[in-house]
Amino acid sequence: ITYVEMMPIILPIIDRDGISQTISMVV
């Protein structure tokens, strides 16, 4: 079994008022 780690993914969550939060994930 081998694991391939991706670069971090940073994603803004946008609602009516603009960016409400930012999500960071490593997959």
mmCIF file of all heavy atoms, coordinates in Angstrom:
data_MODEL
# 
_entry.id   MODEL 
# 
loop_
_atom_site.group_PDB 
_atom_site.id 
_atom_site.type_symbol 
_atom_site.label_atom_id 
_atom_site.label_alt_id 
_atom_site.label_comp_id 
_atom_site.label_asym_id 
_atom_site.label_entity_id 
_atom_site.label_seq_id 
_atom_site.pdbx_PDB_ins_code 
_atom_site.Cartn_x 
_atom_site.Cartn_y 
_atom_site.Cartn_z 
_atom_site.occupancy 
_atom_site.B_iso_or_equiv 
_atom_site.pdbx_formal_charge 
_atom_site.auth_seq_id 
_atom_site.auth_comp_id 
_atom_site.auth_asym_id 
_atom_site.auth_atom_id 
_atom_site.pdbx_PDB_model_num 
ATOM 1   N N   . ILE A 1 1  ? 0.855   -1.180 0.000  1.00 0.00 ? 1  ILE A N   1 
ATOM 2   C CA  . ILE A 1 1  ? 0.000   0.000  0.000  1.00 0.00 ? 1  ILE A CA  1 
ATOM 3   C C   . ILE A 1 1  ? 0.890   1.227  0.000  1.00 0.00 ? 1  ILE A C   1 
ATOM 4   O O   . ILE A 1 1  ? 1.836   1.319  0.759  1.00 0.00 ? 1  ILE A O   1 
ATOM 5   C CB  . ILE A 1 1  ? -0.930  0.016  1.230  1.00 0.00 ? 1  ILE A CB  1 
ATOM 6   C CG1 . ILE A 1 1  ? -1.867  -1.184 1.177  1.00 0.00 ? 1  ILE A CG1 1 
ATOM 7   C CG2 . ILE A 1 1  ? -1.720  1.303  1.278  1.00 0.00 ? 1  ILE A CG2 1 
ATOM 8   C CD1 . ILE A 1 1  ? -2.742  -1.321 2.400  1.00 0.00 ? 1  ILE A CD1 1 
ATOM 9   N N   . THR A 1 2  ? 0.580   2.158  -0.872 1.00 0.00 ? 2  THR A N   1 
ATOM 10  C CA  . THR A 1 2  ? 1.353   3.385  -0.993 1.00 0.00 ? 2  THR A CA  1 
ATOM 11  C C   . THR A 1 2  ? 0.412   4.572  -0.863 1.00 0.00 ? 2  THR A C   1 
ATOM 12  O O   . THR A 1 2  ? -0.734  4.500  -1.291 1.00 0.00 ? 2  THR A O   1 
ATOM 13  C CB  . THR A 1 2  ? 2.056   3.433  -2.365 1.00 0.00 ? 2  THR A CB  1 
ATOM 14  O OG1 . THR A 1 2  ? 2.840   2.247  -2.518 1.00 0.00 ? 2  THR A OG1 1 
ATOM 15  C CG2 . THR A 1 2  ? 2.953   4.639  -2.489 1.00 0.00 ? 2  THR A CG2 1 
ATOM 16  N N   . TYR A 1 3  ? 0.903   5.641  -0.253 1.00 0.00 ? 3  TYR A N   1 
ATOM 17  C CA  . TYR A 1 3  ? 0.127   6.862  -0.106 1.00 0.00 ? 3  TYR A CA  1 
ATOM 18  C C   . TYR A 1 3  ? 0.818   7.987  -0.863 1.00 0.00 ? 3  TYR A C   1 
ATOM 19  O O   . TYR A 1 3  ? 2.017   8.163  -0.756 1.00 0.00 ? 3  TYR A O   1 
ATOM 20  C CB  . TYR A 1 3  ? -0.012  7.248  1.371  1.00 0.00 ? 3  TYR A CB  1 
ATOM 21  C CG  . TYR A 1 3  ? -0.763  6.217  2.168  1.00 0.00 ? 3  TYR A CG  1 
ATOM 22  C CD1 . TYR A 1 3  ? -0.083  5.206  2.836  1.00 0.00 ? 3  TYR A CD1 1 
ATOM 23  C CD2 . TYR A 1 3  ? -2.144  6.246  2.230  1.00 0.00 ? 3  TYR A CD2 1 
ATOM 24  C CE1 . TYR A 1 3  ? -0.765  4.247  3.547  1.00 0.00 ? 3  TYR A CE1 1 
ATOM 25  C CE2 . TYR A 1 3  ? -2.830  5.290  2.957  1.00 0.00 ? 3  TYR A CE2 1 
ATOM 26  C CZ  . TYR A 1 3  ? -2.143  4.286  3.600  1.00 0.00 ? 3  TYR A CZ  1 
ATOM 27  O OH  . TYR A 1 3  ? -2.827  3.332  4.303  1.00 0.00 ? 3  TYR A OH  1 
ATOM 28  N N   . VAL A 1 4  ? 0.026   8.725  -1.634 1.00 0.00 ? 4  VAL A N   1 
ATOM 29  C CA  . VAL A 1 4  ? 0.531   9.877  -2.366 1.00 0.00 ? 4  VAL A CA  1 
ATOM 30  C C   . VAL A 1 4  ? -0.101  11.105 -1.729 1.00 0.00 ? 4  VAL A C   1 
ATOM 31  O O   . VAL A 1 4  ? -1.311  11.296 -1.801 1.00 0.00 ? 4  VAL A O   1 
ATOM 32  C CB  . VAL A 1 4  ? 0.168   9.797  -3.859 1.00 0.00 ? 4  VAL A CB  1 
ATOM 33  C CG1 . VAL A 1 4  ? 0.698   11.015 -4.597 1.00 0.00 ? 4  VAL A CG1 1 
ATOM 34  C CG2 . VAL A 1 4  ? 0.695   8.510  -4.470 1.00 0.00 ? 4  VAL A CG2 1 
ATOM 35  N N   . GLU A 1 5  ? 0.732   11.938 -1.092 1.00 0.00 ? 5  GLU A N   1 
ATOM 36  C CA  . GLU A 1 5  ? 0.225   13.132 -0.418 1.00 0.00 ? 5  GLU A CA  1 
ATOM 37  C C   . GLU A 1 5  ? 0.207   14.300 -1.388 1.00 0.00 ? 5  GLU A C   1 
ATOM 38  O O   . GLU A 1 5  ? 1.175   14.575 -2.083 1.00 0.00 ? 5  GLU A O   1 
ATOM 39  C CB  . GLU A 1 5  ? 1.081   13.477 0.795  1.00 0.00 ? 5  GLU A CB  1 
ATOM 40  C CG  . GLU A 1 5  ? 0.508   14.612 1.616  1.00 0.00 ? 5  GLU A CG  1 
ATOM 41  C CD  . GLU A 1 5  ? 1.264   14.841 2.903  1.00 0.00 ? 5  GLU A CD  1 
ATOM 42  O OE1 . GLU A 1 5  ? 1.490   13.861 3.645  1.00 0.00 ? 5  GLU A OE1 1 
ATOM 43  O OE2 . GLU A 1 5  ? 1.628   15.997 3.159  1.00 0.00 ? 5  GLU A OE2 1 
ATOM 44  N N   . MET A 1 6  ? -0.915  14.980 -1.423 1.00 0.00 ? 6  MET A N   1 
ATOM 45  C CA  . MET A 1 6  ? -1.069  16.146 -2.280 1.00 0.00 ? 6  MET A CA  1 
ATOM 46  C C   . MET A 1 6  ? -0.623  17.391 -1.536 1.00 0.00 ? 6  MET A C   1 
ATOM 47  O O   . MET A 1 6  ? -0.496  17.389 -0.322 1.00 0.00 ? 6  MET A O   1 
ATOM 48  C CB  . MET A 1 6  ? -2.530  16.295 -2.703 1.00 0.00 ? 6  MET A CB  1 
ATOM 49  C CG  . MET A 1 6  ? -3.052  15.123 -3.504 1.00 0.00 ? 6  MET A CG  1 
ATOM 50  S SD  . MET A 1 6  ? -4.775  15.339 -3.980 1.00 0.00 ? 6  MET A SD  1 
ATOM 51  C CE  . MET A 1 6  ? -4.633  16.707 -5.128 1.00 0.00 ? 6  MET A CE  1 
ATOM 52  N N   . MET A 1 7  ? -0.429  18.467 -2.286 1.00 0.00 ? 7  MET A N   1 
ATOM 53  C CA  . MET A 1 7  ? -0.138  19.766 -1.685 1.00 0.00 ? 7  MET A CA  1 
ATOM 54  C C   . MET A 1 7  ? -1.401  20.241 -0.963 1.00 0.00 ? 7  MET A C   1 
ATOM 55  O O   . MET A 1 7  ? -2.503  19.846 -1.337 1.00 0.00 ? 7  MET A O   1 
ATOM 56  C CB  . MET A 1 7  ? 0.247   20.775 -2.766 1.00 0.00 ? 7  MET A CB  1 
ATOM 57  C CG  . MET A 1 7  ? 1.531   20.439 -3.501 1.00 0.00 ? 7  MET A CG  1 
ATOM 58  S SD  . MET A 1 7  ? 2.975   20.479 -2.449 1.00 0.00 ? 7  MET A SD  1 
ATOM 59  C CE  . MET A 1 7  ? 3.090   22.213 -2.098 1.00 0.00 ? 7  MET A CE  1 
ATOM 60  N N   . PRO A 1 8  ? -1.264  21.088 0.048  1.00 0.00 ? 8  PRO A N   1 
ATOM 61  C CA  . PRO A 1 8  ? -2.456  21.588 0.747  1.00 0.00 ? 8  PRO A CA  1 
ATOM 62  C C   . PRO A 1 8  ? -3.399  22.329 -0.202 1.00 0.00 ? 8  PRO A C   1 
ATOM 63  O O   . PRO A 1 8  ? -2.966  23.024 -1.121 1.00 0.00 ? 8  PRO A O   1 
ATOM 64  C CB  . PRO A 1 8  ? -1.881  22.557 1.780  1.00 0.00 ? 8  PRO A CB  1 
ATOM 65  C CG  . PRO A 1 8  ? -0.466  22.128 1.955  1.00 0.00 ? 8  PRO A CG  1 
ATOM 66  C CD  . PRO A 1 8  ? -0.033  21.581 0.635  1.00 0.00 ? 8  PRO A CD  1 
ATOM 67  N N   . ILE A 1 9  ? -4.687  22.131 0.016  1.00 0.00 ? 9  ILE A N   1 
ATOM 68  C CA  . ILE A 1 9  ? -5.721  22.807 -0.757 1.00 0.00 ? 9  ILE A CA  1 
ATOM 69  C C   . ILE A 1 9  ? -6.367  23.836 0.165  1.00 0.00 ? 9  ILE A C   1 
ATOM 70  O O   . ILE A 1 9  ? -6.830  23.495 1.255  1.00 0.00 ? 9  ILE A O   1 
ATOM 71  C CB  . ILE A 1 9  ? -6.770  21.801 -1.271 1.00 0.00 ? 9  ILE A CB  1 
ATOM 72  C CG1 . ILE A 1 9  ? -6.099  20.806 -2.221 1.00 0.00 ? 9  ILE A CG1 1 
ATOM 73  C CG2 . ILE A 1 9  ? -7.932  22.521 -1.943 1.00 0.00 ? 9  ILE A CG2 1 
ATOM 74  C CD1 . ILE A 1 9  ? -6.983  19.644 -2.631 1.00 0.00 ? 9  ILE A CD1 1 
ATOM 75  N N   . ILE A 1 10 ? -6.382  25.088 -0.273 1.00 0.00 ? 10 ILE A N   1 
ATOM 76  C CA  . ILE A 1 10 ? -6.967  26.165 0.526  1.00 0.00 ? 10 ILE A CA  1 
ATOM 77  C C   . ILE A 1 10 ? -8.160  26.704 -0.247 1.00 0.00 ? 10 ILE A C   1 
ATOM 78  O O   . ILE A 1 10 ? -8.030  27.074 -1.418 1.00 0.00 ? 10 ILE A O   1 
ATOM 79  C CB  . ILE A 1 10 ? -5.937  27.272 0.806  1.00 0.00 ? 10 ILE A CB  1 
ATOM 80  C CG1 . ILE A 1 10 ? -4.769  26.660 1.585  1.00 0.00 ? 10 ILE A CG1 1 
ATOM 81  C CG2 . ILE A 1 10 ? -6.578  28.416 1.574  1.00 0.00 ? 10 ILE A CG2 1 
ATOM 82  C CD1 . ILE A 1 10 ? -3.585  27.565 1.741  1.00 0.00 ? 10 ILE A CD1 1 
ATOM 83  N N   . LEU A 1 11 ? -9.301  26.725 0.415  1.00 0.00 ? 11 LEU A N   1 
ATOM 84  C CA  . LEU A 1 11 ? -10.548 27.046 -0.260 1.00 0.00 ? 11 LEU A CA  1 
ATOM 85  C C   . LEU A 1 11 ? -11.356 28.062 0.545  1.00 0.00 ? 11 LEU A C   1 
ATOM 86  O O   . LEU A 1 11 ? -11.679 27.817 1.701  1.00 0.00 ? 11 LEU A O   1 
ATOM 87  C CB  . LEU A 1 11 ? -11.345 25.747 -0.410 1.00 0.00 ? 11 LEU A CB  1 
ATOM 88  C CG  . LEU A 1 11 ? -12.637 25.765 -1.167 1.00 0.00 ? 11 LEU A CG  1 
ATOM 89  C CD1 . LEU A 1 11 ? -12.372 26.003 -2.638 1.00 0.00 ? 11 LEU A CD1 1 
ATOM 90  C CD2 . LEU A 1 11 ? -13.316 24.415 -1.006 1.00 0.00 ? 11 LEU A CD2 1 
ATOM 91  N N   . PRO A 1 12 ? -11.685 29.212 -0.050 1.00 0.00 ? 12 PRO A N   1 
ATOM 92  C CA  . PRO A 1 12 ? -12.528 30.177 0.661  1.00 0.00 ? 12 PRO A CA  1 
ATOM 93  C C   . PRO A 1 12 ? -14.005 29.786 0.541  1.00 0.00 ? 12 PRO A C   1 
ATOM 94  O O   . PRO A 1 12 ? -14.439 29.304 -0.494 1.00 0.00 ? 12 PRO A O   1 
ATOM 95  C CB  . PRO A 1 12 ? -12.261 31.489 -0.073 1.00 0.00 ? 12 PRO A CB  1 
ATOM 96  C CG  . PRO A 1 12 ? -11.920 31.067 -1.458 1.00 0.00 ? 12 PRO A CG  1 
ATOM 97  C CD  . PRO A 1 12 ? -11.228 29.738 -1.324 1.00 0.00 ? 12 PRO A CD  1 
ATOM 98  N N   . ILE A 1 13 ? -14.751 29.971 1.610  1.00 0.00 ? 13 ILE A N   1 
ATOM 99  C CA  . ILE A 1 13 ? -16.192 29.763 1.584  1.00 0.00 ? 13 ILE A CA  1 
ATOM 100 C C   . ILE A 1 13 ? -16.832 31.146 1.504  1.00 0.00 ? 13 ILE A C   1 
ATOM 101 O O   . ILE A 1 13 ? -16.651 31.979 2.390  1.00 0.00 ? 13 ILE A O   1 
ATOM 102 C CB  . ILE A 1 13 ? -16.679 29.021 2.849  1.00 0.00 ? 13 ILE A CB  1 
ATOM 103 C CG1 . ILE A 1 13 ? -15.928 27.709 3.024  1.00 0.00 ? 13 ILE A CG1 1 
ATOM 104 C CG2 . ILE A 1 13 ? -18.179 28.810 2.800  1.00 0.00 ? 13 ILE A CG2 1 
ATOM 105 C CD1 . ILE A 1 13 ? -16.081 26.735 1.891  1.00 0.00 ? 13 ILE A CD1 1 
ATOM 106 N N   . ILE A 1 14 ? -17.563 31.379 0.428  1.00 0.00 ? 14 ILE A N   1 
ATOM 107 C CA  . ILE A 1 14 ? -18.120 32.702 0.173  1.00 0.00 ? 14 ILE A CA  1 
ATOM 108 C C   . ILE A 1 14 ? -19.635 32.660 0.351  1.00 0.00 ? 14 ILE A C   1 
ATOM 109 O O   . ILE A 1 14 ? -20.305 31.765 -0.179 1.00 0.00 ? 14 ILE A O   1 
ATOM 110 C CB  . ILE A 1 14 ? -17.762 33.176 -1.251 1.00 0.00 ? 14 ILE A CB  1 
ATOM 111 C CG1 . ILE A 1 14 ? -16.245 33.216 -1.390 1.00 0.00 ? 14 ILE A CG1 1 
ATOM 112 C CG2 . ILE A 1 14 ? -18.386 34.525 -1.549 1.00 0.00 ? 14 ILE A CG2 1 
ATOM 113 C CD1 . ILE A 1 14 ? -15.746 33.442 -2.786 1.00 0.00 ? 14 ILE A CD1 1 
ATOM 114 N N   . ASP A 1 15 ? -20.159 33.627 1.094  1.00 0.00 ? 15 ASP A N   1 
ATOM 115 C CA  . ASP A 1 15 ? -21.607 33.771 1.231  1.00 0.00 ? 15 ASP A CA  1 
ATOM 116 C C   . ASP A 1 15 ? -22.002 35.182 0.804  1.00 0.00 ? 15 ASP A C   1 
ATOM 117 O O   . ASP A 1 15 ? -21.213 35.880 0.160  1.00 0.00 ? 15 ASP A O   1 
ATOM 118 C CB  . ASP A 1 15 ? -22.071 33.442 2.653  1.00 0.00 ? 15 ASP A CB  1 
ATOM 119 C CG  . ASP A 1 15 ? -21.453 34.342 3.697  1.00 0.00 ? 15 ASP A CG  1 
ATOM 120 O OD1 . ASP A 1 15 ? -20.864 35.371 3.339  1.00 0.00 ? 15 ASP A OD1 1 
ATOM 121 O OD2 . ASP A 1 15 ? -21.579 34.018 4.896  1.00 0.00 ? 15 ASP A OD2 1 
ATOM 122 N N   . ARG A 1 16 ? -23.192 35.612 1.163  1.00 0.00 ? 16 ARG A N   1 
ATOM 123 C CA  . ARG A 1 16 ? -23.673 36.945 0.756  1.00 0.00 ? 16 ARG A CA  1 
ATOM 124 C C   . ARG A 1 16 ? -22.784 38.073 1.250  1.00 0.00 ? 16 ARG A C   1 
ATOM 125 O O   . ARG A 1 16 ? -22.678 39.115 0.631  1.00 0.00 ? 16 ARG A O   1 
ATOM 126 C CB  . ARG A 1 16 ? -25.095 37.173 1.286  1.00 0.00 ? 16 ARG A CB  1 
ATOM 127 C CG  . ARG A 1 16 ? -26.136 36.387 0.514  1.00 0.00 ? 16 ARG A CG  1 
ATOM 128 C CD  . ARG A 1 16 ? -27.513 36.635 1.081  1.00 0.00 ? 16 ARG A CD  1 
ATOM 129 N NE  . ARG A 1 16 ? -27.802 35.492 1.940  1.00 0.00 ? 16 ARG A NE  1 
ATOM 130 C CZ  . ARG A 1 16 ? -28.346 35.545 3.137  1.00 0.00 ? 16 ARG A CZ  1 
ATOM 131 N NH1 . ARG A 1 16 ? -28.709 36.688 3.648  1.00 0.00 ? 16 ARG A NH1 1 
ATOM 132 N NH2 . ARG A 1 16 ? -28.555 34.454 3.832  1.00 0.00 ? 16 ARG A NH2 1 
ATOM 133 N N   . ASP A 1 17 ? -22.154 37.896 2.393  1.00 0.00 ? 17 ASP A N   1 
ATOM 134 C CA  . ASP A 1 17 ? -21.349 38.943 3.012  1.00 0.00 ? 17 ASP A CA  1 
ATOM 135 C C   . ASP A 1 17 ? -19.870 38.884 2.623  1.00 0.00 ? 17 ASP A C   1 
ATOM 136 O O   . ASP A 1 17 ? -19.060 39.618 3.159  1.00 0.00 ? 17 ASP A O   1 
ATOM 137 C CB  . ASP A 1 17 ? -21.471 38.864 4.535  1.00 0.00 ? 17 ASP A CB  1 
ATOM 138 C CG  . ASP A 1 17 ? -22.917 39.006 4.987  1.00 0.00 ? 17 ASP A CG  1 
ATOM 139 O OD1 . ASP A 1 17 ? -23.666 39.763 4.335  1.00 0.00 ? 17 ASP A OD1 1 
ATOM 140 O OD2 . ASP A 1 17 ? -23.292 38.348 5.974  1.00 0.00 ? 17 ASP A OD2 1 
ATOM 141 N N   . GLY A 1 18 ? -19.500 37.980 1.748  1.00 0.00 ? 18 GLY A N   1 
ATOM 142 C CA  . GLY A 1 18 ? -18.098 37.824 1.364  1.00 0.00 ? 18 GLY A CA  1 
ATOM 143 C C   . GLY A 1 18 ? -17.541 36.498 1.877  1.00 0.00 ? 18 GLY A C   1 
ATOM 144 O O   . GLY A 1 18 ? -18.274 35.518 2.008  1.00 0.00 ? 18 GLY A O   1 
ATOM 145 N N   . ILE A 1 19 ? -16.266 36.479 2.185  1.00 0.00 ? 19 ILE A N   1 
ATOM 146 C CA  . ILE A 1 19 ? -15.632 35.249 2.673  1.00 0.00 ? 19 ILE A CA  1 
ATOM 147 C C   . ILE A 1 19 ? -16.022 35.030 4.130  1.00 0.00 ? 19 ILE A C   1 
ATOM 148 O O   . ILE A 1 19 ? -15.674 35.830 5.000  1.00 0.00 ? 19 ILE A O   1 
ATOM 149 C CB  . ILE A 1 19 ? -14.100 35.321 2.530  1.00 0.00 ? 19 ILE A CB  1 
ATOM 150 C CG1 . ILE A 1 19 ? -13.718 35.424 1.054  1.00 0.00 ? 19 ILE A CG1 1 
ATOM 151 C CG2 . ILE A 1 19 ? -13.444 34.095 3.158  1.00 0.00 ? 19 ILE A CG2 1 
ATOM 152 C CD1 . ILE A 1 19 ? -12.240 35.588 0.805  1.00 0.00 ? 19 ILE A CD1 1 
ATOM 153 N N   . SER A 1 20 ? -16.758 33.955 4.380  1.00 0.00 ? 20 SER A N   1 
ATOM 154 C CA  . SER A 1 20 ? -17.191 33.659 5.749  1.00 0.00 ? 20 SER A CA  1 
ATOM 155 C C   . SER A 1 20 ? -16.161 32.814 6.491  1.00 0.00 ? 20 SER A C   1 
ATOM 156 O O   . SER A 1 20 ? -16.023 32.915 7.704  1.00 0.00 ? 20 SER A O   1 
ATOM 157 C CB  . SER A 1 20 ? -18.540 32.948 5.748  1.00 0.00 ? 20 SER A CB  1 
ATOM 158 O OG  . SER A 1 20 ? -18.458 31.711 5.077  1.00 0.00 ? 20 SER A OG  1 
ATOM 159 N N   . GLN A 1 21 ? -15.466 31.942 5.775  1.00 0.00 ? 21 GLN A N   1 
ATOM 160 C CA  . GLN A 1 21 ? -14.408 31.133 6.383  1.00 0.00 ? 21 GLN A CA  1 
ATOM 161 C C   . GLN A 1 21 ? -13.494 30.587 5.299  1.00 0.00 ? 21 GLN A C   1 
ATOM 162 O O   . GLN A 1 21 ? -13.816 30.629 4.118  1.00 0.00 ? 21 GLN A O   1 
ATOM 163 C CB  . GLN A 1 21 ? -14.984 30.019 7.249  1.00 0.00 ? 21 GLN A CB  1 
ATOM 164 C CG  . GLN A 1 21 ? -15.927 29.052 6.573  1.00 0.00 ? 21 GLN A CG  1 
ATOM 165 C CD  . GLN A 1 21 ? -16.441 28.013 7.544  1.00 0.00 ? 21 GLN A CD  1 
ATOM 166 O OE1 . GLN A 1 21 ? -15.657 27.292 8.153  1.00 0.00 ? 21 GLN A OE1 1 
ATOM 167 N NE2 . GLN A 1 21 ? -17.745 27.935 7.700  1.00 0.00 ? 21 GLN A NE2 1 
ATOM 168 N N   . THR A 1 22 ? -12.348 30.086 5.731  1.00 0.00 ? 22 THR A N   1 
ATOM 169 C CA  . THR A 1 22 ? -11.377 29.482 4.826  1.00 0.00 ? 22 THR A CA  1 
ATOM 170 C C   . THR A 1 22 ? -11.129 28.058 5.300  1.00 0.00 ? 22 THR A C   1 
ATOM 171 O O   . THR A 1 22 ? -10.967 27.814 6.499  1.00 0.00 ? 22 THR A O   1 
ATOM 172 C CB  . THR A 1 22 ? -10.053 30.270 4.840  1.00 0.00 ? 22 THR A CB  1 
ATOM 173 O OG1 . THR A 1 22 ? -10.337 31.625 4.503  1.00 0.00 ? 22 THR A OG1 1 
ATOM 174 C CG2 . THR A 1 22 ? -9.068  29.706 3.849  1.00 0.00 ? 22 THR A CG2 1 
ATOM 175 N N   . ILE A 1 23 ? -11.099 27.149 4.353  1.00 0.00 ? 23 ILE A N   1 
ATOM 176 C CA  . ILE A 1 23 ? -10.870 25.738 4.671  1.00 0.00 ? 23 ILE A CA  1 
ATOM 177 C C   . ILE A 1 23 ? -9.531  25.318 4.083  1.00 0.00 ? 23 ILE A C   1 
ATOM 178 O O   . ILE A 1 23 ? -9.239  25.603 2.920  1.00 0.00 ? 23 ILE A O   1 
ATOM 179 C CB  . ILE A 1 23 ? -11.998 24.865 4.111  1.00 0.00 ? 23 ILE A CB  1 
ATOM 180 C CG1 . ILE A 1 23 ? -13.299 25.250 4.798  1.00 0.00 ? 23 ILE A CG1 1 
ATOM 181 C CG2 . ILE A 1 23 ? -11.693 23.390 4.288  1.00 0.00 ? 23 ILE A CG2 1 
ATOM 182 C CD1 . ILE A 1 23 ? -14.514 24.597 4.244  1.00 0.00 ? 23 ILE A CD1 1 
ATOM 183 N N   . SER A 1 24 ? -8.727  24.661 4.895  1.00 0.00 ? 24 SER A N   1 
ATOM 184 C CA  . SER A 1 24 ? -7.447  24.104 4.450  1.00 0.00 ? 24 SER A CA  1 
ATOM 185 C C   . SER A 1 24 ? -7.522  22.594 4.629  1.00 0.00 ? 24 SER A C   1 
ATOM 186 O O   . SER A 1 24 ? -7.950  22.118 5.680  1.00 0.00 ? 24 SER A O   1 
ATOM 187 C CB  . SER A 1 24 ? -6.297  24.640 5.294  1.00 0.00 ? 24 SER A CB  1 
ATOM 188 O OG  . SER A 1 24 ? -6.287  26.037 5.284  1.00 0.00 ? 24 SER A OG  1 
ATOM 189 N N   . MET A 1 25 ? -7.089  21.868 3.613  1.00 0.00 ? 25 MET A N   1 
ATOM 190 C CA  . MET A 1 25 ? -7.068  20.414 3.755  1.00 0.00 ? 25 MET A CA  1 
ATOM 191 C C   . MET A 1 25 ? -5.874  19.820 3.027  1.00 0.00 ? 25 MET A C   1 
ATOM 192 O O   . MET A 1 25 ? -5.429  20.350 2.016  1.00 0.00 ? 25 MET A O   1 
ATOM 193 C CB  . MET A 1 25 ? -8.383  19.787 3.281  1.00 0.00 ? 25 MET A CB  1 
ATOM 194 C CG  . MET A 1 25 ? -8.726  19.966 1.856  1.00 0.00 ? 25 MET A CG  1 
ATOM 195 S SD  . MET A 1 25 ? -10.335 19.172 1.557  1.00 0.00 ? 25 MET A SD  1 
ATOM 196 C CE  . MET A 1 25 ? -10.583 19.653 -0.128 1.00 0.00 ? 25 MET A CE  1 
ATOM 197 N N   . VAL A 1 26 ? -5.372  18.754 3.604  1.00 0.00 ? 26 VAL A N   1 
ATOM 198 C CA  . VAL A 1 26 ? -4.303  17.981 2.985  1.00 0.00 ? 26 VAL A CA  1 
ATOM 199 C C   . VAL A 1 26 ? -4.866  16.594 2.748  1.00 0.00 ? 26 VAL A C   1 
ATOM 200 O O   . VAL A 1 26 ? -5.363  15.949 3.675  1.00 0.00 ? 26 VAL A O   1 
ATOM 201 C CB  . VAL A 1 26 ? -3.048  17.915 3.877  1.00 0.00 ? 26 VAL A CB  1 
ATOM 202 C CG1 . VAL A 1 26 ? -1.987  17.028 3.229  1.00 0.00 ? 26 VAL A CG1 1 
ATOM 203 C CG2 . VAL A 1 26 ? -2.497  19.305 4.123  1.00 0.00 ? 26 VAL A CG2 1 
ATOM 204 N N   . VAL A 1 27 ? -4.809  16.164 1.508  1.00 0.00 ? 27 VAL A N   1 
ATOM 205 C CA  . VAL A 1 27 ? -5.388  14.890 1.095  1.00 0.00 ? 27 VAL A CA  1 
ATOM 206 C C   . VAL A 1 27 ? -4.273  13.951 0.675  1.00 0.00 ? 27 VAL A C   1 
ATOM 207 O O   . VAL A 1 27 ? -3.315  14.359 0.010  1.00 0.00 ? 27 VAL A O   1 
ATOM 208 C CB  . VAL A 1 27 ? -6.362  15.110 -0.091 1.00 0.00 ? 27 VAL A CB  1 
ATOM 209 C CG1 . VAL A 1 27 ? -6.927  13.800 -0.592 1.00 0.00 ? 27 VAL A CG1 1 
ATOM 210 C CG2 . VAL A 1 27 ? -7.475  16.057 0.306  1.00 0.00 ? 27 VAL A CG2 1 
# 
